[in-house]
Amino acid sequence: MKAFDLFRPKDLFQAFSRLELNQHETVLKSGGTDLLIWIKKGLVSPKEVVDLSSIDSLNEIEVKEGEGILIGTNVSLNRIIDHPEMKRRFPALIEACETHSDAVLRNKATLVGNVCSAVPSGDTIPPLLCYEAEAVVQTSCSKRHLPLPRLIIGPRKKSISKTEIVTHLWIPLPKADLSVGAYRRASRRRALDLAQAAVACTLFQHRGERDFRLAVGALSPIPVRVSEGERILNETSNIDEKIADRVADAVLKAIQPITDVRGSREFRFAVTVELVRESLSLCLTRAKTEEGCY
């Protein structure tokens, strides 16, 4: 591993100043669980790492009633899992965080870091797509909200400049009387392994109206929402095996799996069908358990 300098800013002003000074030689770090592996493998060779973990303003989970939840860059996956409002509002995301790694690693790994790594197999990205999360992107003089499909543009590629920092994630609160969800993935091991295929399914119900959302990961260059599968679900009152098969077919048409060391293209197609059926079944079962409406 090549040597690099480490800079720990105490606030965002210091961080932005450093990025503007050395933008082409600097990378950002929060938890660092992906970055350190990439540096060891020679995938990135920064001259300097700017460590954001000492910036207190990036450590909070802020609930804005009736609007959404703001999650700082330094918030770990374990803090997401333990947060009562996150558990109640975003169950599919909780399952994805629990699947991501073991309890020790989750103390360091951050939600924003998992998103900003922008790897196709990022566990938290499919449920965040279902919850229509946005990245809060800042420079020293501006701030903007960027939906995740516009932030992540390719494997390990983001549509932000070298002087911008994703300081938070914003997840709008669903306008729903009922919010259930499921995240299921295939992998060679239960934890500490990348997903071979992953499916997130969420269901919101408000005043009798249903809103299914469906997203997949590890099956295309970037995780994607499956709009045709959602349309089928939202236009159907009675979801049976035939409907589930139609939804699975819609997912298969939306993905571009590859063959690599973790699995073949053919295996990924086959396992995706089962993951779609399982996540959809779990959503329906959980909705029935909570409301008795199915």
C-alpha atoms as a PDB file:
ATOM      1  CA  MET A   1       0.000   0.000   0.000  1.00  0.00           C
ATOM      2  CA  LYS A   2       1.347   3.387  -0.997  1.00  0.00           C
ATOM      3  CA  ALA A   3       1.798   5.954   1.749  1.00  0.00           C
ATOM      4  CA  PHE A   4      -0.577   8.904   1.967  1.00  0.00           C
ATOM      5  CA  ASP A   5      -1.069  11.948   4.170  1.00  0.00           C
ATOM      6  CA  LEU A   6      -4.061  12.061   6.519  1.00  0.00           C
ATOM      7  CA  PHE A   7      -5.878  15.298   7.270  1.00  0.00           C
ATOM      8  CA  ARG A   8      -8.630  15.485   9.919  1.00  0.00           C
ATOM      9  CA  PRO A   9     -10.634  18.701   9.587  1.00  0.00           C
ATOM     10  CA  LYS A  10     -12.581  19.865  12.622  1.00  0.00           C
ATOM     11  CA  ASP A  11     -15.374  21.423  10.571  1.00  0.00           C
ATOM     12  CA  LEU A  12     -16.685  21.598   7.024  1.00  0.00           C
ATOM     13  CA  PHE A  13     -14.898  24.888   6.372  1.00  0.00           C
ATOM     14  CA  GLN A  14     -11.529  23.179   6.874  1.00  0.00           C
ATOM     15  CA  ALA A  15     -12.613  20.220   4.748  1.00  0.00           C
ATOM     16  CA  PHE A  16     -13.718  22.399   1.827  1.00  0.00           C
ATOM     17  CA  SER A  17     -10.527  24.464   2.036  1.00  0.00           C
ATOM     18  CA  ARG A  18      -8.427  21.311   1.804  1.00  0.00           C
ATOM     19  CA  LEU A  19     -10.389  19.949  -1.143  1.00  0.00           C
ATOM     20  CA  GLU A  20     -10.117  23.242  -3.039  1.00  0.00           C
ATOM     21  CA  LEU A  21      -6.358  23.284  -2.406  1.00  0.00           C
ATOM     22  CA  ASN A  22      -5.556  19.679  -3.383  1.00  0.00           C
ATOM     23  CA  GLN A  23      -8.676  18.494  -5.213  1.00  0.00           C
ATOM     24  CA  HIS A  24      -7.030  16.127  -7.729  1.00  0.00           C
ATOM     25  CA  GLU A  25      -4.825  14.409  -5.142  1.00  0.00           C
ATOM     26  CA  THR A  26      -7.360  14.016  -2.320  1.00  0.00           C
ATOM     27  CA  VAL A  27     -10.074  11.499  -1.429  1.00  0.00           C
ATOM     28  CA  LEU A  28     -12.674  11.681   1.336  1.00  0.00           C
ATOM     29  CA  LYS A  29     -13.162   9.194   4.155  1.00  0.00           C
ATOM     30  CA  SER A  30     -15.874   8.708   6.765  1.00  0.00           C
ATOM     31  CA  GLY A  31     -15.923   5.087   7.981  1.00  0.00           C
ATOM     32  CA  GLY A  32     -13.286   4.079   5.456  1.00  0.00           C
ATOM     33  CA  THR A  33     -14.240   0.397   5.261  1.00  0.00           C
ATOM     34  CA  ASP A  34     -14.317   0.420   1.451  1.00  0.00           C
ATOM     35  CA  LEU A  35     -11.652   3.039   0.857  1.00  0.00           C
ATOM     36  CA  LEU A  36      -8.906   1.280   2.809  1.00  0.00           C
ATOM     37  CA  ILE A  37      -9.520  -1.945   0.867  1.00  0.00           C
ATOM     38  CA  TRP A  38      -9.343  -0.061  -2.430  1.00  0.00           C
ATOM     39  CA  ILE A  39      -6.081   1.605  -1.409  1.00  0.00           C
ATOM     40  CA  LYS A  40      -4.557  -1.753  -0.412  1.00  0.00           C
ATOM     41  CA  LYS A  41      -5.591  -3.240  -3.744  1.00  0.00           C
ATOM     42  CA  GLY A  42      -4.187  -0.281  -5.659  1.00  0.00           C
ATOM     43  CA  LEU A  43      -7.585   0.707  -7.058  1.00  0.00           C
ATOM     44  CA  VAL A  44      -7.041   4.251  -5.791  1.00  0.00           C
ATOM     45  CA  SER A  45      -3.743   5.946  -4.927  1.00  0.00           C
ATOM     46  CA  PRO A  46      -4.447   9.223  -3.125  1.00  0.00           C
ATOM     47  CA  LYS A  47      -1.697  11.504  -1.938  1.00  0.00           C
ATOM     48  CA  GLU A  48      -3.984  12.673   0.847  1.00  0.00           C
ATOM     49  CA  VAL A  49      -7.056  11.325   2.650  1.00  0.00           C
ATOM     50  CA  VAL A  50      -9.404  13.861   4.228  1.00  0.00           C
ATOM     51  CA  ASP A  51     -11.012  12.128   7.216  1.00  0.00           C
ATOM     52  CA  LEU A  52     -14.450  13.589   7.987  1.00  0.00           C
ATOM     53  CA  SER A  53     -15.010  11.581  11.168  1.00  0.00           C
ATOM     54  CA  SER A  54     -14.079  14.446  13.516  1.00  0.00           C
ATOM     55  CA  ILE A  55     -16.715  16.825  12.147  1.00  0.00           C
ATOM     56  CA  ASP A  56     -19.474  16.871  14.771  1.00  0.00           C
ATOM     57  CA  SER A  57     -22.118  18.326  12.428  1.00  0.00           C
ATOM     58  CA  LEU A  58     -21.993  15.141  10.345  1.00  0.00           C
ATOM     59  CA  ASN A  59     -22.669  12.779  13.266  1.00  0.00           C
ATOM     60  CA  GLU A  60     -26.414  13.242  13.771  1.00  0.00           C
ATOM     61  CA  ILE A  61     -29.718  11.667  12.754  1.00  0.00           C
ATOM     62  CA  GLU A  62     -32.292  14.454  12.664  1.00  0.00           C
ATOM     63  CA  VAL A  63     -36.002  13.655  12.432  1.00  0.00           C
ATOM     64  CA  LYS A  64     -38.078  16.449  10.903  1.00  0.00           C
ATOM     65  CA  GLU A  65     -41.671  15.525  11.679  1.00  0.00           C
ATOM     66  CA  GLY A  66     -43.914  15.357   8.658  1.00  0.00           C
ATOM     67  CA  GLU A  67     -40.979  15.888   6.315  1.00  0.00           C
ATOM     68  CA  GLY A  68     -38.099  13.426   6.505  1.00  0.00           C
ATOM     69  CA  ILE A  69     -34.973  12.202   8.246  1.00  0.00           C
ATOM     70  CA  LEU A  70     -31.537  13.769   7.736  1.00  0.00           C
ATOM     71  CA  ILE A  71     -28.613  11.397   8.234  1.00  0.00           C
ATOM     72  CA  GLY A  72     -25.063  12.706   8.582  1.00  0.00           C
ATOM     73  CA  THR A  73     -22.123  11.281   6.674  1.00  0.00           C
ATOM     74  CA  ASN A  74     -20.543   9.838   9.835  1.00  0.00           C
ATOM     75  CA  VAL A  75     -23.614   7.911  11.041  1.00  0.00           C
ATOM     76  CA  SER A  76     -22.741   4.221  11.235  1.00  0.00           C
ATOM     77  CA  LEU A  77     -24.933   1.351  10.068  1.00  0.00           C
ATOM     78  CA  ASN A  78     -25.377   0.168  13.661  1.00  0.00           C
ATOM     79  CA  ARG A  79     -26.770   3.563  14.643  1.00  0.00           C
ATOM     80  CA  ILE A  80     -29.251   3.306  11.772  1.00  0.00           C
ATOM     81  CA  ILE A  81     -30.278  -0.181  12.938  1.00  0.00           C
ATOM     82  CA  ASP A  82     -30.747   0.971  16.551  1.00  0.00           C
ATOM     83  CA  HIS A  83     -32.673   4.162  15.762  1.00  0.00           C
ATOM     84  CA  PRO A  84     -36.383   3.691  16.640  1.00  0.00           C
ATOM     85  CA  GLU A  85     -37.724   5.996  13.907  1.00  0.00           C
ATOM     86  CA  MET A  86     -35.589   4.322  11.251  1.00  0.00           C
ATOM     87  CA  LYS A  87     -36.888   0.924  12.374  1.00  0.00           C
ATOM     88  CA  ARG A  88     -40.484   2.087  12.218  1.00  0.00           C
ATOM     89  CA  ARG A  89     -40.324   4.034   8.973  1.00  0.00           C
ATOM     90  CA  PHE A  90     -37.759   2.204   6.836  1.00  0.00           C
ATOM     91  CA  PRO A  91     -37.780  -1.551   7.547  1.00  0.00           C
ATOM     92  CA  ALA A  92     -36.230  -2.587   4.211  1.00  0.00           C
ATOM     93  CA  LEU A  93     -33.269  -0.304   4.875  1.00  0.00           C
ATOM     94  CA  ILE A  94     -32.819  -1.812   8.339  1.00  0.00           C
ATOM     95  CA  GLU A  95     -32.651  -5.308   6.823  1.00  0.00           C
ATOM     96  CA  ALA A  96     -30.098  -4.122   4.271  1.00  0.00           C
ATOM     97  CA  CYS A  97     -27.922  -2.589   7.004  1.00  0.00           C
ATOM     98  CA  GLU A  98     -28.080  -5.820   9.010  1.00  0.00           C
ATOM     99  CA  THR A  99     -27.070  -7.806   5.927  1.00  0.00           C
ATOM    100  CA  HIS A 100     -24.187  -5.522   5.009  1.00  0.00           C
ATOM    101  CA  SER A 101     -21.573  -6.971   7.380  1.00  0.00           C
ATOM    102  CA  ASP A 102     -21.003  -8.159  10.934  1.00  0.00           C
ATOM    103  CA  ALA A 103     -21.682  -6.105  14.068  1.00  0.00           C
ATOM    104  CA  VAL A 104     -18.047  -5.021  14.466  1.00  0.00           C
ATOM    105  CA  LEU A 105     -17.666  -3.688  10.939  1.00  0.00           C
ATOM    106  CA  ARG A 106     -21.058  -1.970  11.118  1.00  0.00           C
ATOM    107  CA  ASN A 107     -19.703   0.194  13.933  1.00  0.00           C
ATOM    108  CA  LYS A 108     -17.351   1.793  11.382  1.00  0.00           C
ATOM    109  CA  ALA A 109     -19.209   1.460   8.076  1.00  0.00           C
ATOM    110  CA  THR A 110     -21.525   4.399   7.382  1.00  0.00           C
ATOM    111  CA  LEU A 111     -24.734   4.660   5.406  1.00  0.00           C
ATOM    112  CA  VAL A 112     -23.497   7.624   3.359  1.00  0.00           C
ATOM    113  CA  GLY A 113     -20.207   5.831   2.759  1.00  0.00           C
ATOM    114  CA  ASN A 114     -22.013   2.771   1.392  1.00  0.00           C
ATOM    115  CA  VAL A 115     -23.908   5.015  -1.021  1.00  0.00           C
ATOM    116  CA  CYS A 116     -20.867   7.041  -2.054  1.00  0.00           C
ATOM    117  CA  SER A 117     -18.804   3.940  -2.759  1.00  0.00           C
ATOM    118  CA  ALA A 118     -21.289   3.531  -5.631  1.00  0.00           C
ATOM    119  CA  VAL A 119     -20.614  -0.165  -6.109  1.00  0.00           C
ATOM    120  CA  PRO A 120     -23.341  -2.143  -7.935  1.00  0.00           C
ATOM    121  CA  SER A 121     -23.667  -4.523  -4.963  1.00  0.00           C
ATOM    122  CA  GLY A 122     -24.058  -1.809  -2.287  1.00  0.00           C
ATOM    123  CA  ASP A 123     -26.632  -3.298   0.078  1.00  0.00           C
ATOM    124  CA  THR A 124     -28.280  -0.095   1.223  1.00  0.00           C
ATOM    125  CA  ILE A 125     -28.787   1.445  -2.217  1.00  0.00           C
ATOM    126  CA  PRO A 126     -31.816  -0.600  -3.462  1.00  0.00           C
ATOM    127  CA  PRO A 127     -33.953   0.168  -0.374  1.00  0.00           C
ATOM    128  CA  LEU A 128     -32.844   3.803  -0.452  1.00  0.00           C
ATOM    129  CA  LEU A 129     -34.049   3.945  -4.056  1.00  0.00           C
ATOM    130  CA  CYS A 130     -37.411   2.611  -2.903  1.00  0.00           C
ATOM    131  CA  TYR A 131     -37.537   5.286  -0.200  1.00  0.00           C
ATOM    132  CA  GLU A 132     -36.532   7.942  -2.786  1.00  0.00           C
ATOM    133  CA  ALA A 133     -33.556   9.147  -0.770  1.00  0.00           C
ATOM    134  CA  GLU A 134     -31.507  12.134  -1.868  1.00  0.00           C
ATOM    135  CA  ALA A 135     -27.880  13.049  -1.280  1.00  0.00           C
ATOM    136  CA  VAL A 136     -27.223  16.469   0.239  1.00  0.00           C
ATOM    137  CA  VAL A 137     -24.207  17.720  -1.714  1.00  0.00           C
ATOM    138  CA  GLN A 138     -22.316  20.801  -0.528  1.00  0.00           C
ATOM    139  CA  THR A 139     -19.442  23.024  -1.553  1.00  0.00           C
ATOM    140  CA  SER A 140     -18.019  25.902   0.446  1.00  0.00           C
ATOM    141  CA  CYS A 141     -20.699  28.190  -1.014  1.00  0.00           C
ATOM    142  CA  SER A 142     -23.616  26.016  -2.184  1.00  0.00           C
ATOM    143  CA  LYS A 143     -25.901  23.139  -1.273  1.00  0.00           C
ATOM    144  CA  ARG A 144     -28.085  20.928  -3.443  1.00  0.00           C
ATOM    145  CA  HIS A 145     -30.206  17.784  -3.136  1.00  0.00           C
ATOM    146  CA  LEU A 146     -29.376  15.051  -5.644  1.00  0.00           C
ATOM    147  CA  PRO A 147     -31.628  11.967  -6.067  1.00  0.00           C
ATOM    148  CA  LEU A 148     -29.573   8.781  -5.890  1.00  0.00           C
ATOM    149  CA  PRO A 149     -30.205   7.810  -9.549  1.00  0.00           C
ATOM    150  CA  ARG A 150     -28.530  11.088 -10.513  1.00  0.00           C
ATOM    151  CA  LEU A 151     -25.726  10.731  -7.957  1.00  0.00           C
ATOM    152  CA  ILE A 152     -24.592   7.219  -8.899  1.00  0.00           C
ATOM    153  CA  ILE A 153     -23.749   7.072 -12.608  1.00  0.00           C
ATOM    154  CA  GLY A 154     -21.606   3.942 -12.840  1.00  0.00           C
ATOM    155  CA  PRO A 155     -19.541   1.455 -10.844  1.00  0.00           C
ATOM    156  CA  ARG A 156     -17.638   3.575  -8.278  1.00  0.00           C
ATOM    157  CA  LYS A 157     -18.624   6.728 -10.195  1.00  0.00           C
ATOM    158  CA  LYS A 158     -20.584   9.720  -8.882  1.00  0.00           C
ATOM    159  CA  SER A 159     -21.772  12.880 -10.610  1.00  0.00           C
ATOM    160  CA  ILE A 160     -20.136  15.315  -8.187  1.00  0.00           C
ATOM    161  CA  SER A 161     -16.963  17.354  -8.442  1.00  0.00           C
ATOM    162  CA  LYS A 162     -13.766  16.978  -6.440  1.00  0.00           C
ATOM    163  CA  THR A 163     -14.672  20.008  -4.322  1.00  0.00           C
ATOM    164  CA  GLU A 164     -18.123  18.699  -3.325  1.00  0.00           C
ATOM    165  CA  ILE A 165     -18.958  16.628  -0.235  1.00  0.00           C
ATOM    166  CA  VAL A 166     -22.021  14.468   0.359  1.00  0.00           C
ATOM    167  CA  THR A 167     -22.689  15.721   3.871  1.00  0.00           C
ATOM    168  CA  HIS A 168     -26.025  13.978   4.510  1.00  0.00           C
ATOM    169  CA  LEU A 169     -28.697  11.704   3.154  1.00  0.00           C
ATOM    170  CA  TRP A 170     -32.257  12.979   3.133  1.00  0.00           C
ATOM    171  CA  ILE A 171     -35.021  10.367   3.280  1.00  0.00           C
ATOM    172  CA  PRO A 172     -38.539  11.789   2.938  1.00  0.00           C
ATOM    173  CA  LEU A 173     -41.100  10.330   5.314  1.00  0.00           C
ATOM    174  CA  PRO A 174     -43.668   8.252   3.416  1.00  0.00           C
ATOM    175  CA  LYS A 175     -47.174   9.674   3.538  1.00  0.00           C
ATOM    176  CA  ALA A 176     -48.634   6.360   4.611  1.00  0.00           C
ATOM    177  CA  ASP A 177     -50.695   4.731   7.327  1.00  0.00           C
ATOM    178  CA  LEU A 178     -48.723   1.541   6.737  1.00  0.00           C
ATOM    179  CA  SER A 179     -45.094   1.098   5.718  1.00  0.00           C
ATOM    180  CA  VAL A 180     -43.598  -2.360   5.293  1.00  0.00           C
ATOM    181  CA  GLY A 181     -40.641  -3.602   3.324  1.00  0.00           C
ATOM    182  CA  ALA A 182     -38.163  -6.390   2.715  1.00  0.00           C
ATOM    183  CA  TYR A 183     -34.601  -6.709   1.478  1.00  0.00           C
ATOM    184  CA  ARG A 184     -33.306 -10.043   0.262  1.00  0.00           C
ATOM    185  CA  ARG A 185     -30.017 -10.906  -1.363  1.00  0.00           C
ATOM    186  CA  ALA A 186     -28.053 -13.927  -2.537  1.00  0.00           C
ATOM    187  CA  SER A 187     -24.437 -14.249  -1.428  1.00  0.00           C
ATOM    188  CA  ARG A 188     -21.902 -16.981  -0.786  1.00  0.00           C
ATOM    189  CA  ARG A 189     -21.834 -16.150   2.934  1.00  0.00           C
ATOM    190  CA  ARG A 190     -24.412 -14.500   5.179  1.00  0.00           C
ATOM    191  CA  ALA A 191     -22.147 -11.555   5.998  1.00  0.00           C
ATOM    192  CA  LEU A 192     -18.782 -10.108   4.993  1.00  0.00           C
ATOM    193  CA  ASP A 193     -19.465 -10.909   1.360  1.00  0.00           C
ATOM    194  CA  LEU A 194     -20.765  -8.944  -1.611  1.00  0.00           C
ATOM    195  CA  ALA A 195     -24.230  -9.607  -2.962  1.00  0.00           C
ATOM    196  CA  GLN A 196     -24.586 -11.763  -6.064  1.00  0.00           C
ATOM    197  CA  ALA A 197     -28.105 -10.375  -6.529  1.00  0.00           C
ATOM    198  CA  ALA A 198     -30.342  -8.247  -4.318  1.00  0.00           C
ATOM    199  CA  VAL A 199     -33.985  -7.125  -4.292  1.00  0.00           C
ATOM    200  CA  ALA A 200     -35.723  -4.494  -2.166  1.00  0.00           C
ATOM    201  CA  CYS A 201     -39.507  -4.272  -2.074  1.00  0.00           C
ATOM    202  CA  THR A 202     -41.537  -1.716  -0.131  1.00  0.00           C
ATOM    203  CA  LEU A 203     -45.262  -1.225   0.301  1.00  0.00           C
ATOM    204  CA  PHE A 204     -46.956   1.945   1.528  1.00  0.00           C
ATOM    205  CA  GLN A 205     -50.667   2.190   2.160  1.00  0.00           C
ATOM    206  CA  HIS A 206     -52.494   5.471   2.685  1.00  0.00           C
ATOM    207  CA  ARG A 207     -56.260   5.774   2.927  1.00  0.00           C
ATOM    208  CA  GLY A 208     -56.729   2.523   1.059  1.00  0.00           C
ATOM    209  CA  GLU A 209     -54.304   3.384  -1.753  1.00  0.00           C
ATOM    210  CA  ARG A 210     -51.260   1.153  -2.212  1.00  0.00           C
ATOM    211  CA  ASP A 211     -47.817   2.117  -3.459  1.00  0.00           C
ATOM    212  CA  PHE A 212     -45.382  -0.710  -4.211  1.00  0.00           C
ATOM    213  CA  ARG A 213     -41.771   0.123  -5.018  1.00  0.00           C
ATOM    214  CA  LEU A 214     -39.160  -2.297  -6.281  1.00  0.00           C
ATOM    215  CA  ALA A 215     -35.398  -1.956  -6.757  1.00  0.00           C
ATOM    216  CA  VAL A 216     -32.519  -4.323  -7.463  1.00  0.00           C
ATOM    217  CA  GLY A 217     -28.772  -4.332  -6.884  1.00  0.00           C
ATOM    218  CA  ALA A 218     -25.714  -6.287  -8.074  1.00  0.00           C
ATOM    219  CA  LEU A 219     -27.501  -6.974 -11.365  1.00  0.00           C
ATOM    220  CA  SER A 220     -26.570  -3.927 -13.455  1.00  0.00           C
ATOM    221  CA  PRO A 221     -23.791  -1.321 -13.544  1.00  0.00           C
ATOM    222  CA  ILE A 222     -25.837   0.631 -10.984  1.00  0.00           C
ATOM    223  CA  PRO A 223     -28.744  -0.373  -8.705  1.00  0.00           C
ATOM    224  CA  VAL A 224     -32.070   0.461 -10.369  1.00  0.00           C
ATOM    225  CA  ARG A 225     -35.782   0.924  -9.694  1.00  0.00           C
ATOM    226  CA  VAL A 226     -37.986  -1.397 -11.740  1.00  0.00           C
ATOM    227  CA  SER A 227     -40.852   0.837 -12.855  1.00  0.00           C
ATOM    228  CA  GLU A 228     -42.657  -1.794 -14.921  1.00  0.00           C
ATOM    229  CA  GLY A 229     -42.716  -4.212 -11.996  1.00  0.00           C
ATOM    230  CA  GLU A 230     -44.088  -1.441  -9.788  1.00  0.00           C
ATOM    231  CA  ARG A 231     -46.789  -0.636 -12.369  1.00  0.00           C
ATOM    232  CA  ILE A 232     -47.953  -4.256 -12.454  1.00  0.00           C
ATOM    233  CA  LEU A 233     -48.189  -4.405  -8.656  1.00  0.00           C
ATOM    234  CA  ASN A 234     -49.924  -1.053  -8.266  1.00  0.00           C
ATOM    235  CA  GLU A 235     -52.532  -1.822 -10.919  1.00  0.00           C
ATOM    236  CA  THR A 236     -53.431  -5.231  -9.446  1.00  0.00           C
ATOM    237  CA  SER A 237     -55.813  -5.731  -6.548  1.00  0.00           C
ATOM    238  CA  ASN A 238     -55.180  -9.450  -6.082  1.00  0.00           C
ATOM    239  CA  ILE A 239     -51.482 -10.356  -6.147  1.00  0.00           C
ATOM    240  CA  ASP A 240     -51.168 -14.078  -6.801  1.00  0.00           C
ATOM    241  CA  GLU A 241     -48.429 -16.322  -8.219  1.00  0.00           C
ATOM    242  CA  LYS A 242     -49.176 -15.279 -11.806  1.00  0.00           C
ATOM    243  CA  ILE A 243     -48.755 -11.622 -10.918  1.00  0.00           C
ATOM    244  CA  ALA A 244     -45.550 -12.405  -9.038  1.00  0.00           C
ATOM    245  CA  ASP A 245     -44.250 -14.162 -12.158  1.00  0.00           C
ATOM    246  CA  ARG A 246     -45.102 -11.122 -14.302  1.00  0.00           C
ATOM    247  CA  VAL A 247     -43.246  -8.882 -11.866  1.00  0.00           C
ATOM    248  CA  ALA A 248     -40.240 -11.216 -11.940  1.00  0.00           C
ATOM    249  CA  ASP A 249     -40.263 -11.123 -15.748  1.00  0.00           C
ATOM    250  CA  ALA A 250     -40.288  -7.312 -15.633  1.00  0.00           C
ATOM    251  CA  VAL A 251     -37.269  -7.365 -13.341  1.00  0.00           C
ATOM    252  CA  LEU A 252     -35.374  -9.746 -15.635  1.00  0.00           C
ATOM    253  CA  LYS A 253     -35.939  -7.376 -18.563  1.00  0.00           C
ATOM    254  CA  ALA A 254     -34.572  -4.450 -16.533  1.00  0.00           C
ATOM    255  CA  ILE A 255     -31.269  -5.984 -15.434  1.00  0.00           C
ATOM    256  CA  GLN A 256     -27.893  -6.610 -17.061  1.00  0.00           C
ATOM    257  CA  PRO A 257     -26.140  -9.247 -14.938  1.00  0.00           C
ATOM    258  CA  ILE A 258     -22.587 -10.311 -15.677  1.00  0.00           C
ATOM    259  CA  THR A 259     -20.503 -13.392 -15.001  1.00  0.00           C
ATOM    260  CA  ASP A 260     -17.731 -12.847 -12.444  1.00  0.00           C
ATOM    261  CA  VAL A 261     -15.995 -14.672  -9.597  1.00  0.00           C
ATOM    262  CA  ARG A 262     -19.135 -14.458  -7.419  1.00  0.00           C
ATOM    263  CA  GLY A 263     -21.535 -16.070  -9.878  1.00  0.00           C
ATOM    264  CA  SER A 264     -22.536 -16.603 -13.474  1.00  0.00           C
ATOM    265  CA  ARG A 265     -24.951 -14.476 -15.468  1.00  0.00           C
ATOM    266  CA  GLU A 266     -27.311 -17.465 -15.682  1.00  0.00           C
ATOM    267  CA  PHE A 267     -27.228 -18.003 -11.919  1.00  0.00           C
ATOM    268  CA  ARG A 268     -28.015 -14.335 -11.295  1.00  0.00           C
ATOM    269  CA  PHE A 269     -31.038 -14.465 -13.601  1.00  0.00           C
ATOM    270  CA  ALA A 270     -32.337 -17.585 -11.844  1.00  0.00           C
ATOM    271  CA  VAL A 271     -31.799 -16.405  -8.282  1.00  0.00           C
ATOM    272  CA  THR A 272     -33.314 -12.998  -9.009  1.00  0.00           C
ATOM    273  CA  VAL A 273     -36.673 -14.613  -9.764  1.00  0.00           C
ATOM    274  CA  GLU A 274     -36.657 -16.265  -6.338  1.00  0.00           C
ATOM    275  CA  LEU A 275     -35.571 -13.072  -4.579  1.00  0.00           C
ATOM    276  CA  VAL A 276     -38.388 -11.098  -6.216  1.00  0.00           C
ATOM    277  CA  ARG A 277     -40.964 -13.685  -5.145  1.00  0.00           C
ATOM    278  CA  GLU A 278     -39.585 -13.843  -1.597  1.00  0.00           C
ATOM    279  CA  SER A 279     -39.379 -10.079  -1.041  1.00  0.00           C
ATOM    280  CA  LEU A 280     -42.862  -9.546  -2.467  1.00  0.00           C
ATOM    281  CA  SER A 281     -44.305 -12.339  -0.330  1.00  0.00           C
ATOM    282  CA  LEU A 282     -42.675 -10.878   2.781  1.00  0.00           C
ATOM    283  CA  CYS A 283     -44.156  -7.432   2.070  1.00  0.00           C
ATOM    284  CA  LEU A 284     -47.647  -8.866   1.686  1.00  0.00           C
ATOM    285  CA  THR A 285     -47.324 -11.029   4.796  1.00  0.00           C
ATOM    286  CA  ARG A 286     -46.010  -8.159   6.899  1.00  0.00           C
ATOM    287  CA  ALA A 287     -48.781  -5.867   5.684  1.00  0.00           C
ATOM    288  CA  LYS A 288     -51.367  -8.476   6.628  1.00  0.00           C
ATOM    289  CA  THR A 289     -49.777  -8.910  10.049  1.00  0.00           C
ATOM    290  CA  GLU A 290     -49.729  -5.173  10.781  1.00  0.00           C
ATOM    291  CA  GLU A 291     -53.080  -4.119   9.391  1.00  0.00           C
ATOM    292  CA  GLY A 292     -55.126  -7.162   8.509  1.00  0.00           C
ATOM    293  CA  CYS A 293     -55.802  -5.556   5.145  1.00  0.00           C
ATOM    294  CA  TYR A 294     -54.703  -8.336   2.832  1.00  0.00           C
END
